[in-house]
Amino acid sequence: MSEQLRMLILEDSEDDAALLLHELKRNGLVAYHERVDTAEAFRKALAQGEWHFILSDYRMPGFNALEALAILKESGADLPFIIVSGKIGEDLAVAAMKAGAGDYVMKGNLSRLVPAIQRELREADERRRRREAEEALNNQFRQITTIFDSMNAVVSVADMVSHELLFMNRFGALLVGEEWQGKKSYEVLNYNQSQCSSETLVRNGEPRSPHVWEYQNPVSGRWYQCIDKAVYWPDGKLVRLQIGVDISERKEIEQMKDEMISAVSHEMRTPLTAMLGFTEYLLENEVDPLQLRNYLNTIHKETERLKDLIGNFLDLQQINARMTTYRMRPVDVCMLIRDAAGLFALDAGGSRLVMECPPDLPPVQGDEARLHQALTNVISNGLKYSPVETRVTVGAETAGDQVVMRVKDEGCGIPVELQEKIFEKFYRIDNSDRRHLGGTGLGLALVREIVTAHGGRVWVKSEMGKGSTFYISLPKAG
């Protein structure tokens, strides 16, 4: 060990340097050494060699130990620095210790020199080991951070007791904002802390198996599957690691599946039952031509109804899957209204369906077939949900750079709290006035998807007992 030591001596006297070397050798401490006595030589020696410790006189011509300590600090080297001086005042000794000297030894009492060197070497070795351990932990933390930052999931670490956030990955910070430091994890991520308590993760001071749970963020409405685990943090204490994966699409698919099953089991079964019943009756019984025509007319209507139900569902699925191609071009709004209203002219009668379209109305930019589909869905609803003796008015007008189409009925109206919900998939207003009319709740959802894809918007204004007006706003062509 002693043969490997390299010592730098800051001393202007060769005799004093020899005295120091003799004292070290006498106590079994042998070290390679180099002597310098100027600031320039000291800087050069620090840059060119790897040293284990430094012995320095306090005063040398044009150079002293405090200046040497400043140079040593500037270099970034962590070396034991011991002052060996023939005479030094208490104030100078205190100043040297504050500047970074490990010890000072009087030349008249060199018996303290070797123990001081050995102590400083041990402390330097401990500092080196501590730095290496900290650097290893920092490297490990950087690797973990890199992995977590690459995940499309919210990854957070929080104190097990106080719930204070200690870490948030890049994906999580983008969702919750950069000001998460020091805040409670359940406040930032908007979940009830009782859903996964500390007792769930730790037993008798040891981590338990990961806990998996789900929650819906009340602010964003998104669903997350959380995996919580107690792990050891670099400082040695147990912390809560939480990984939240967005499962909103899965939840939506599950909900759509349940709603689709409900729709199929009720709404789609109804026309099938009617078609099957009338077909079986015609196969087993002789009927007169007039009765046959009525039965066939009923079968035809139920077939059309079933076709519309399936068509709306498939169209909505195509739009949601981004599989629909829109052929955008200028569309004459008055012609669009006439064509859509014309489909209902026979059933609505001559006076029930009213059209109001100014002749100078500008065209809109859109896919004519899809806009026709959206408008017919709204007109169909207006006719379906209003008494047969009332009118349904279809019209349009300009509003700035938009053309706004409207369908006004004189039905029972829609409650204010439901006027946004009716555009959700499978949503139906379940009351006695409407329940007998059926429907899967897909028509208005399809309308909103089509209008949104055109850069427009759809909304409704309604007053209970006085009817509803649906609006479709679309950008003008060009």
Protein backbone atom coordinates (compact mmCIF):
# COMPACT_ATOMS: atom_id res chain seq x y z
CA MET A 1 0.00 0.00 0.00
CA SER A 2 2.70 2.51 1.01
CA GLU A 3 4.76 1.87 -2.15
CA GLN A 4 1.81 2.89 -4.28
CA LEU A 5 1.34 6.29 -2.61
CA ARG A 6 2.17 9.44 -4.56
CA MET A 7 2.84 12.58 -2.57
CA LEU A 8 3.10 16.19 -3.73
CA ILE A 9 5.20 18.47 -1.49
CA LEU A 10 4.76 22.24 -1.62
CA GLU A 11 8.02 23.36 -0.02
CA ASP A 12 10.67 25.89 -1.01
CA SER A 13 13.34 24.29 1.25
CA GLU A 14 14.97 21.05 0.10
CA ASP A 15 16.20 20.41 3.63
CA ASP A 16 12.67 20.71 5.09
CA ALA A 17 11.35 18.42 2.37
CA ALA A 18 14.03 15.85 3.19
CA LEU A 19 13.07 16.11 6.85
CA LEU A 20 9.46 15.29 6.01
CA LEU A 21 10.50 12.30 3.87
CA HIS A 22 12.71 11.00 6.67
CA GLU A 23 9.84 11.23 9.16
CA LEU A 24 7.54 9.30 6.81
CA LYS A 25 10.15 6.59 6.15
CA ARG A 26 10.92 6.29 9.87
CA ASN A 27 7.25 5.45 10.46
CA GLY A 28 7.04 2.95 7.59
CA LEU A 29 5.31 5.26 5.11
CA VAL A 30 7.10 5.27 1.75
CA ALA A 31 5.74 7.44 -1.08
CA TYR A 32 6.83 8.65 -4.47
CA HIS A 33 7.15 12.41 -4.21
CA GLU A 34 7.57 15.56 -6.22
CA ARG A 35 8.46 18.97 -4.80
CA VAL A 36 7.15 22.29 -6.16
CA ASP A 37 7.23 25.81 -4.75
CA THR A 38 5.27 28.01 -7.18
CA ALA A 39 1.62 28.29 -8.18
CA GLU A 40 2.44 27.55 -11.82
CA ALA A 41 4.41 24.43 -10.94
CA PHE A 42 1.58 23.31 -8.63
CA ARG A 43 -1.05 23.65 -11.38
CA LYS A 44 1.17 21.73 -13.79
CA ALA A 45 1.76 18.94 -11.29
CA LEU A 46 -1.98 18.61 -10.59
CA ALA A 47 -2.74 18.41 -14.30
CA GLN A 48 -0.05 15.84 -15.12
CA GLY A 49 -0.08 13.45 -12.18
CA GLU A 50 -2.43 11.44 -9.99
CA TRP A 51 -1.68 12.17 -6.34
CA HIS A 52 -2.82 10.63 -3.10
CA PHE A 53 -2.08 13.52 -0.71
CA ILE A 54 -0.38 16.91 -0.43
CA LEU A 55 1.98 18.24 2.23
CA SER A 56 2.40 22.02 2.14
CA ASP A 57 4.42 24.65 3.92
CA TYR A 58 2.29 27.62 4.90
CA ARG A 59 4.50 30.31 3.35
CA MET A 60 6.73 30.16 0.32
CA PRO A 61 8.23 33.04 -1.71
CA GLY A 62 5.27 34.54 -3.63
CA PHE A 63 2.99 31.61 -2.77
CA ASN A 64 1.18 30.26 0.31
CA ALA A 65 -1.05 27.39 1.43
CA LEU A 66 -4.34 29.33 1.08
CA GLU A 67 -3.56 30.04 -2.57
CA ALA A 68 -2.66 26.38 -3.06
CA LEU A 69 -6.00 25.33 -1.54
CA ALA A 70 -7.82 27.66 -3.94
CA ILE A 71 -5.97 26.12 -6.91
CA LEU A 72 -6.76 22.63 -5.62
CA LYS A 73 -10.46 23.49 -5.31
CA GLU A 74 -10.43 24.99 -8.80
CA SER A 75 -8.99 21.75 -10.23
CA GLY A 76 -11.84 19.70 -8.75
CA ALA A 77 -9.45 17.16 -7.17
CA ASP A 78 -10.38 15.75 -3.76
CA LEU A 79 -6.95 15.26 -2.14
CA PRO A 80 -5.96 15.28 1.56
CA PHE A 81 -4.13 18.59 2.16
CA ILE A 82 -2.00 18.82 5.30
CA ILE A 83 -0.10 21.97 6.26
CA VAL A 84 3.32 21.44 7.80
CA SER A 85 4.71 24.72 9.09
CA GLY A 86 7.39 25.93 11.45
CA LYS A 87 5.25 28.75 12.75
CA ILE A 88 1.62 29.50 12.24
CA GLY A 89 -0.81 31.64 14.15
CA GLU A 90 -4.19 30.43 15.37
CA ASP A 91 -6.07 32.74 12.97
CA LEU A 92 -4.09 31.45 9.99
CA ALA A 93 -4.68 27.86 11.07
CA VAL A 94 -8.45 28.44 11.31
CA ALA A 95 -8.45 30.15 7.90
CA ALA A 96 -6.58 27.20 6.40
CA MET A 97 -9.01 24.67 7.86
CA LYS A 98 -11.99 26.67 6.53
CA ALA A 99 -10.33 26.77 3.11
CA GLY A 100 -10.19 22.98 2.99
CA ALA A 101 -7.02 21.86 4.80
CA GLY A 102 -7.46 18.52 6.53
CA ASP A 103 -4.96 19.24 9.32
CA TYR A 104 -1.92 21.30 10.18
CA VAL A 105 1.22 19.97 11.87
CA MET A 106 4.02 21.99 13.43
CA LYS A 107 7.50 21.09 12.18
CA GLY A 108 8.57 20.89 15.80
CA ASN A 109 6.04 18.10 16.42
CA LEU A 110 6.32 15.81 13.37
CA SER A 111 5.19 12.78 15.38
CA ARG A 112 1.63 13.86 14.47
CA LEU A 113 2.38 13.86 10.75
CA VAL A 114 2.02 10.17 9.83
CA PRO A 115 -1.16 9.60 11.92
CA ALA A 116 -2.64 12.73 10.31
CA ILE A 117 -1.75 11.43 6.82
CA GLN A 118 -3.23 7.99 7.55
CA ARG A 119 -6.43 9.51 8.93
CA GLU A 120 -6.83 11.81 5.94
CA LEU A 121 -6.19 8.94 3.53
CA ARG A 122 -8.86 6.84 5.23
CA GLU A 123 -11.38 9.71 5.08
CA ALA A 124 -10.49 10.37 1.44
CA ASP A 125 -11.02 6.68 0.67
CA GLU A 126 -14.41 6.76 2.40
CA ARG A 127 -15.39 9.84 0.41
CA ARG A 128 -14.29 8.12 -2.79
CA ARG A 129 -16.34 5.01 -1.98
CA ARG A 130 -19.34 7.17 -1.11
CA ARG A 131 -19.03 9.06 -4.39
CA GLU A 132 -18.76 5.82 -6.35
CA ALA A 133 -21.84 4.43 -4.59
CA GLU A 134 -23.78 7.64 -5.25
CA GLU A 135 -22.68 7.67 -8.88
CA ALA A 136 -23.73 4.03 -9.25
CA LEU A 137 -27.16 4.90 -7.80
CA ASN A 138 -27.41 7.95 -10.04
CA ASN A 139 -26.53 5.84 -13.08
CA GLN A 140 -29.15 3.30 -12.07
CA PHE A 141 -31.70 6.10 -11.55
CA ARG A 142 -30.87 7.61 -14.96
CA GLN A 143 -31.34 4.21 -16.60
CA ILE A 144 -34.69 3.71 -14.85
CA THR A 145 -35.75 7.26 -15.77
CA THR A 146 -34.86 6.62 -19.42
CA ILE A 147 -36.96 3.46 -19.41
CA PHE A 148 -39.91 5.15 -17.68
CA ASP A 149 -39.75 8.19 -19.99
CA SER A 150 -40.06 5.89 -23.00
CA MET A 151 -43.35 4.42 -21.73
CA ASN A 152 -46.76 5.65 -22.89
CA ALA A 153 -48.03 5.35 -19.34
CA VAL A 154 -48.09 7.56 -16.26
CA VAL A 155 -45.23 6.47 -13.97
CA SER A 156 -44.92 8.12 -10.57
CA VAL A 157 -43.09 7.56 -7.30
CA ALA A 158 -44.49 8.91 -4.03
CA ASP A 159 -43.57 8.82 -0.35
CA MET A 160 -45.31 5.90 1.31
CA VAL A 161 -46.49 7.94 4.32
CA SER A 162 -46.94 11.54 3.15
CA HIS A 163 -47.89 10.62 -0.47
CA GLU A 164 -45.62 13.45 -1.67
CA LEU A 165 -44.53 12.93 -5.28
CA LEU A 166 -40.81 12.22 -5.71
CA PHE A 167 -40.77 11.38 -9.42
CA MET A 168 -42.97 11.70 -12.49
CA ASN A 169 -42.02 10.45 -15.95
CA ARG A 170 -42.22 12.62 -19.05
CA PHE A 171 -45.55 11.15 -20.21
CA GLY A 172 -47.14 11.84 -16.82
CA ALA A 173 -45.76 15.39 -16.67
CA LEU A 174 -47.33 16.12 -20.06
CA LEU A 175 -50.72 15.08 -18.67
CA VAL A 176 -50.63 16.63 -15.18
CA GLY A 177 -48.30 19.58 -15.82
CA GLU A 178 -44.74 20.35 -14.76
CA GLU A 179 -45.76 21.71 -11.34
CA TRP A 180 -46.18 18.29 -9.72
CA GLN A 181 -43.12 18.47 -7.43
CA GLY A 182 -43.96 18.32 -3.74
CA LYS A 183 -47.68 17.72 -4.30
CA LYS A 184 -49.73 14.74 -3.13
CA SER A 185 -49.93 11.94 -5.68
CA TYR A 186 -53.68 11.38 -5.24
CA GLU A 187 -54.34 15.12 -5.69
CA VAL A 188 -52.28 15.39 -8.89
CA LEU A 189 -53.60 12.16 -10.41
CA ASN A 190 -57.17 12.66 -9.12
CA TYR A 191 -57.86 9.34 -7.43
CA ASN A 192 -59.15 8.32 -4.02
CA GLN A 193 -56.18 7.31 -1.85
CA SER A 194 -58.33 4.69 -0.10
CA GLN A 195 -58.43 2.71 -3.37
CA CYS A 196 -54.86 1.56 -2.72
CA SER A 197 -53.67 2.17 0.85
CA SER A 198 -50.11 1.74 2.11
CA GLU A 199 -51.22 -1.36 4.04
CA THR A 200 -52.10 -2.94 0.69
CA LEU A 201 -48.48 -2.59 -0.46
CA VAL A 202 -46.45 -3.22 2.72
CA ARG A 203 -46.70 -5.88 5.43
CA ASN A 204 -44.36 -6.03 8.43
CA GLY A 205 -42.07 -3.50 6.79
CA GLU A 206 -41.61 -5.60 3.64
CA PRO A 207 -43.04 -5.01 0.13
CA ARG A 208 -46.04 -7.13 -0.85
CA SER A 209 -47.04 -8.30 -4.32
CA PRO A 210 -48.12 -5.62 -6.82
CA HIS A 211 -51.69 -4.36 -6.43
CA VAL A 212 -53.69 -3.89 -9.65
CA TRP A 213 -56.76 -1.65 -9.71
CA GLU A 214 -58.75 0.61 -12.04
CA TYR A 215 -60.13 4.11 -11.69
CA GLN A 216 -61.69 6.84 -13.82
CA ASN A 217 -60.10 10.28 -13.68
CA PRO A 218 -62.99 12.62 -12.74
CA VAL A 219 -61.38 15.57 -14.55
CA SER A 220 -60.44 14.02 -17.90
CA GLY A 221 -62.92 11.13 -17.81
CA ARG A 222 -60.14 8.75 -18.90
CA TRP A 223 -59.90 5.24 -17.44
CA TYR A 224 -56.59 3.92 -16.04
CA GLN A 225 -55.38 0.52 -14.92
CA CYS A 226 -52.90 1.10 -12.10
CA ILE A 227 -50.14 -1.23 -10.94
CA ASP A 228 -48.89 -0.18 -7.49
CA LYS A 229 -45.80 -1.66 -5.84
CA ALA A 230 -43.71 -0.77 -2.81
CA VAL A 231 -40.05 -0.49 -3.87
CA TYR A 232 -36.81 0.73 -2.30
CA TRP A 233 -35.73 4.24 -3.35
CA PRO A 234 -32.01 5.18 -3.72
CA ASP A 235 -32.03 6.61 -0.17
CA GLY A 236 -33.06 3.17 1.13
CA LYS A 237 -36.64 3.92 2.18
CA LEU A 238 -39.75 2.24 0.83
CA VAL A 239 -41.77 4.30 -1.67
CA ARG A 240 -44.88 3.74 -3.78
CA LEU A 241 -44.23 3.06 -7.48
CA GLN A 242 -47.38 3.52 -9.55
CA ILE A 243 -47.76 2.77 -13.26
CA GLY A 244 -51.04 3.94 -14.79
CA VAL A 245 -51.96 2.65 -18.25
CA ASP A 246 -54.74 4.39 -20.17
CA ILE A 247 -57.45 1.78 -20.84
CA SER A 248 -60.15 4.22 -21.98
CA GLU A 249 -60.41 2.65 -25.43
CA ARG A 250 -60.77 -0.81 -23.90
CA LYS A 251 -63.48 0.48 -21.55
CA GLU A 252 -65.25 2.15 -24.45
CA ILE A 253 -65.15 -1.07 -26.45
CA GLU A 254 -66.51 -3.01 -23.47
CA GLN A 255 -69.28 -0.46 -23.02
CA MET A 256 -70.09 -0.49 -26.73
CA LYS A 257 -70.17 -4.27 -26.65
CA ASP A 258 -72.65 -4.26 -23.76
CA GLU A 259 -74.75 -1.56 -25.38
CA MET A 260 -74.63 -3.32 -28.72
CA ILE A 261 -75.79 -6.56 -27.13
CA SER A 262 -78.62 -4.63 -25.48
CA ALA A 263 -79.52 -2.97 -28.77
CA VAL A 264 -79.40 -6.23 -30.69
CA SER A 265 -81.40 -8.08 -28.05
CA HIS A 266 -84.14 -5.44 -28.09
CA GLU A 267 -84.22 -3.05 -31.04
CA MET A 268 -82.93 -5.39 -33.73
CA ARG A 269 -84.94 -8.33 -32.47
CA THR A 270 -88.21 -6.40 -32.80
CA PRO A 271 -88.18 -6.01 -36.61
CA LEU A 272 -86.84 -9.53 -37.04
CA THR A 273 -89.69 -10.91 -34.92
CA ALA A 274 -92.26 -9.02 -36.98
CA MET A 275 -90.71 -10.13 -40.28
CA LEU A 276 -90.51 -13.74 -39.14
CA GLY A 277 -94.07 -13.76 -37.77
CA PHE A 278 -95.70 -12.31 -40.88
CA THR A 279 -93.60 -14.52 -43.19
CA GLU A 280 -94.56 -17.68 -41.30
CA TYR A 281 -98.23 -16.64 -41.35
CA LEU A 282 -98.15 -16.08 -45.13
CA LEU A 283 -96.46 -19.44 -45.66
CA GLU A 284 -99.09 -21.30 -43.62
CA ASN A 285 -102.25 -19.39 -44.58
CA GLU A 286 -104.12 -18.24 -47.67
CA VAL A 287 -104.80 -14.47 -47.58
CA ASP A 288 -106.67 -12.15 -49.91
CA PRO A 289 -104.64 -9.70 -52.09
CA LEU A 290 -105.43 -6.63 -49.94
CA GLN A 291 -104.37 -8.37 -46.72
CA LEU A 292 -101.29 -9.75 -48.48
CA ARG A 293 -100.29 -6.24 -49.55
CA ASN A 294 -100.66 -4.96 -45.98
CA TYR A 295 -98.56 -7.80 -44.61
CA LEU A 296 -95.86 -7.30 -47.24
CA ASN A 297 -95.87 -3.57 -46.54
CA THR A 298 -95.28 -4.29 -42.83
CA ILE A 299 -92.44 -6.72 -43.66
CA HIS A 300 -90.91 -4.12 -45.98
CA LYS A 301 -91.02 -1.38 -43.30
CA GLU A 302 -89.46 -3.64 -40.69
CA THR A 303 -86.77 -4.65 -43.17
CA GLU A 304 -86.00 -0.99 -43.86
CA ARG A 305 -85.88 -0.31 -40.15
CA LEU A 306 -83.45 -3.16 -39.57
CA LYS A 307 -81.33 -2.02 -42.49
CA ASP A 308 -81.13 1.50 -41.04
CA LEU A 309 -80.14 0.19 -37.62
CA ILE A 310 -77.35 -1.97 -39.01
CA GLY A 311 -76.27 0.72 -41.48
CA ASN A 312 -75.97 3.39 -38.79
CA PHE A 313 -73.94 1.09 -36.58
CA LEU A 314 -71.56 0.05 -39.38
CA ASP A 315 -71.16 3.64 -40.59
CA LEU A 316 -70.35 4.82 -37.08
CA GLN A 317 -67.82 2.05 -36.62
CA GLN A 318 -66.16 2.93 -39.94
CA ILE A 319 -65.92 6.60 -39.01
CA ASN A 320 -64.50 5.83 -35.57
CA ALA A 321 -61.93 3.52 -37.15
CA ARG A 322 -60.95 6.31 -39.59
CA MET A 323 -61.86 4.02 -42.49
CA THR A 324 -64.25 6.46 -44.16
CA THR A 325 -63.04 8.50 -47.14
CA TYR A 326 -64.70 11.90 -47.64
CA ARG A 327 -65.02 13.29 -51.16
CA MET A 328 -65.05 17.01 -50.43
CA ARG A 329 -66.49 19.46 -52.95
CA PRO A 330 -68.93 22.43 -52.96
CA VAL A 331 -72.45 21.24 -52.04
CA ASP A 332 -75.65 23.19 -52.81
CA VAL A 333 -77.40 23.39 -49.42
CA CYS A 334 -80.90 24.06 -50.82
CA MET A 335 -80.60 21.04 -53.12
CA LEU A 336 -79.32 18.97 -50.17
CA ILE A 337 -82.35 19.96 -48.07
CA ARG A 338 -84.81 19.23 -50.90
CA ASP A 339 -83.29 15.80 -51.56
CA ALA A 340 -83.24 14.84 -47.86
CA ALA A 341 -86.77 16.12 -47.18
CA GLY A 342 -88.03 14.44 -50.36
CA LEU A 343 -87.36 11.02 -48.83
CA PHE A 344 -90.04 11.71 -46.23
CA ALA A 345 -92.55 13.53 -48.41
CA LEU A 346 -94.83 10.50 -48.85
CA ASP A 347 -94.91 9.48 -45.19
CA ALA A 348 -95.04 13.05 -43.83
CA GLY A 349 -97.84 14.22 -46.06
CA GLY A 350 -97.98 17.38 -48.12
CA SER A 351 -98.20 19.95 -45.32
CA ARG A 352 -96.31 18.47 -42.38
CA LEU A 353 -92.75 18.90 -43.75
CA VAL A 354 -91.91 22.56 -44.51
CA MET A 355 -88.74 23.80 -46.27
CA GLU A 356 -87.29 27.30 -45.83
CA CYS A 357 -84.19 27.88 -47.94
CA PRO A 358 -83.15 31.33 -49.31
CA PRO A 359 -82.14 31.23 -53.00
CA ASP A 360 -78.83 33.07 -52.50
CA LEU A 361 -77.49 30.61 -49.91
CA PRO A 362 -73.76 29.87 -50.54
CA PRO A 363 -72.56 26.26 -50.93
CA VAL A 364 -70.71 24.37 -48.19
CA GLN A 365 -67.57 22.27 -48.56
CA GLY A 366 -68.34 18.63 -47.90
CA ASP A 367 -69.13 15.09 -48.93
CA GLU A 368 -72.68 15.30 -50.30
CA ALA A 369 -73.57 11.68 -49.55
CA ARG A 370 -72.44 11.91 -45.91
CA LEU A 371 -74.14 15.27 -45.34
CA HIS A 372 -77.32 13.86 -46.88
CA GLN A 373 -77.08 10.96 -44.42
CA ALA A 374 -76.64 13.31 -41.45
CA LEU A 375 -79.54 15.57 -42.47
CA THR A 376 -81.94 12.68 -43.09
CA ASN A 377 -81.16 11.30 -39.63
CA VAL A 378 -82.08 14.62 -38.03
CA ILE A 379 -85.25 15.01 -40.13
CA SER A 380 -86.27 11.43 -39.32
CA ASN A 381 -85.91 12.15 -35.60
CA GLY A 382 -87.97 15.32 -35.90
CA LEU A 383 -90.82 13.44 -37.59
CA LYS A 384 -90.56 10.47 -35.26
CA TYR A 385 -90.62 12.41 -31.99
CA SER A 386 -93.36 14.93 -32.74
CA PRO A 387 -97.13 14.44 -33.10
CA VAL A 388 -98.42 13.71 -36.60
CA GLU A 389 -100.57 16.87 -36.62
CA THR A 390 -97.55 19.15 -36.07
CA ARG A 391 -95.03 20.58 -38.52
CA VAL A 392 -91.31 19.88 -38.97
CA THR A 393 -89.47 22.79 -40.58
CA VAL A 394 -86.16 22.31 -42.41
CA GLY A 395 -84.23 25.44 -43.33
CA ALA A 396 -80.83 27.13 -43.56
CA GLU A 397 -79.16 30.54 -43.26
CA THR A 398 -75.69 32.08 -43.33
CA ALA A 399 -73.82 33.04 -40.15
CA GLY A 400 -70.45 34.64 -40.88
CA ASP A 401 -68.26 32.10 -42.67
CA GLN A 402 -70.70 29.29 -41.82
CA VAL A 403 -73.94 27.97 -43.24
CA VAL A 404 -76.31 26.76 -40.53
CA MET A 405 -78.99 24.18 -41.34
CA ARG A 406 -81.83 23.67 -38.86
CA VAL A 407 -84.57 21.11 -38.28
CA LYS A 408 -87.35 22.39 -36.01
CA ASP A 409 -90.08 20.18 -34.61
CA GLU A 410 -93.05 20.77 -32.28
CA GLY A 411 -92.56 17.71 -30.11
CA CYS A 412 -92.35 17.27 -26.35
CA GLY A 413 -88.85 18.75 -26.07
CA ILE A 414 -85.59 17.57 -24.49
CA PRO A 415 -84.51 18.34 -20.88
CA VAL A 416 -81.56 20.75 -20.66
CA GLU A 417 -79.38 18.25 -18.81
CA LEU A 418 -79.80 15.72 -21.63
CA GLN A 419 -79.24 18.00 -24.62
CA GLU A 420 -75.54 17.06 -24.87
CA LYS A 421 -75.96 13.39 -23.95
CA ILE A 422 -78.30 12.64 -26.88
CA PHE A 423 -75.27 12.84 -29.22
CA GLU A 424 -73.48 10.01 -27.40
CA LYS A 425 -73.45 6.51 -28.87
CA PHE A 426 -76.38 4.31 -27.78
CA TYR A 427 -77.91 7.04 -25.62
CA ARG A 428 -81.69 7.12 -25.64
CA ILE A 429 -84.06 9.32 -23.64
CA ASP A 430 -85.98 6.73 -21.68
CA ASN A 431 -89.44 8.14 -20.91
CA SER A 432 -92.98 7.15 -21.65
CA ASP A 433 -93.30 9.58 -24.55
CA ARG A 434 -90.45 8.02 -26.49
CA ARG A 435 -89.99 4.47 -25.26
CA HIS A 436 -92.52 2.97 -27.69
CA LEU A 437 -90.65 4.51 -30.66
CA GLY A 438 -87.52 2.40 -30.19
CA GLY A 439 -84.16 3.20 -31.68
CA THR A 440 -80.58 2.27 -30.80
CA GLY A 441 -79.32 5.77 -30.06
CA LEU A 442 -76.88 5.69 -32.99
CA GLY A 443 -78.47 8.20 -35.37
CA LEU A 444 -77.43 11.44 -33.62
CA ALA A 445 -74.03 10.00 -32.69
CA LEU A 446 -73.47 9.35 -36.41
CA VAL A 447 -74.61 12.89 -37.23
CA ARG A 448 -72.07 14.37 -34.82
CA GLU A 449 -69.22 12.23 -36.19
CA ILE A 450 -70.00 13.25 -39.79
CA VAL A 451 -70.37 16.96 -38.97
CA THR A 452 -67.20 17.00 -36.87
CA ALA A 453 -65.27 15.37 -39.72
CA HIS A 454 -66.40 18.31 -41.91
CA GLY A 455 -65.03 20.86 -39.46
CA GLY A 456 -68.50 21.81 -38.29
CA ARG A 457 -70.61 21.29 -35.19
CA VAL A 458 -74.10 20.12 -34.27
CA TRP A 459 -76.22 21.16 -31.30
CA VAL A 460 -79.81 21.39 -30.13
CA LYS A 461 -81.99 24.02 -28.49
CA SER A 462 -85.12 22.73 -26.85
CA GLU A 463 -87.90 23.76 -24.48
CA MET A 464 -90.02 21.18 -22.73
CA GLY A 465 -93.50 21.00 -24.22
CA LYS A 466 -92.64 23.31 -27.12
CA GLY A 467 -90.32 21.26 -29.33
CA SER A 468 -86.67 21.16 -30.35
CA THR A 469 -84.46 22.72 -33.02
CA PHE A 470 -81.36 20.88 -34.22
CA TYR A 471 -78.60 22.95 -35.85
CA ILE A 472 -75.81 21.80 -38.19
CA SER A 473 -73.15 24.44 -38.83
CA LEU A 474 -70.71 23.89 -41.72
CA PRO A 475 -67.94 26.05 -43.28
CA LYS A 476 -68.73 27.77 -46.57
CA ALA A 477 -67.05 26.33 -49.66
CA GLY A 478 -63.71 27.97 -50.41
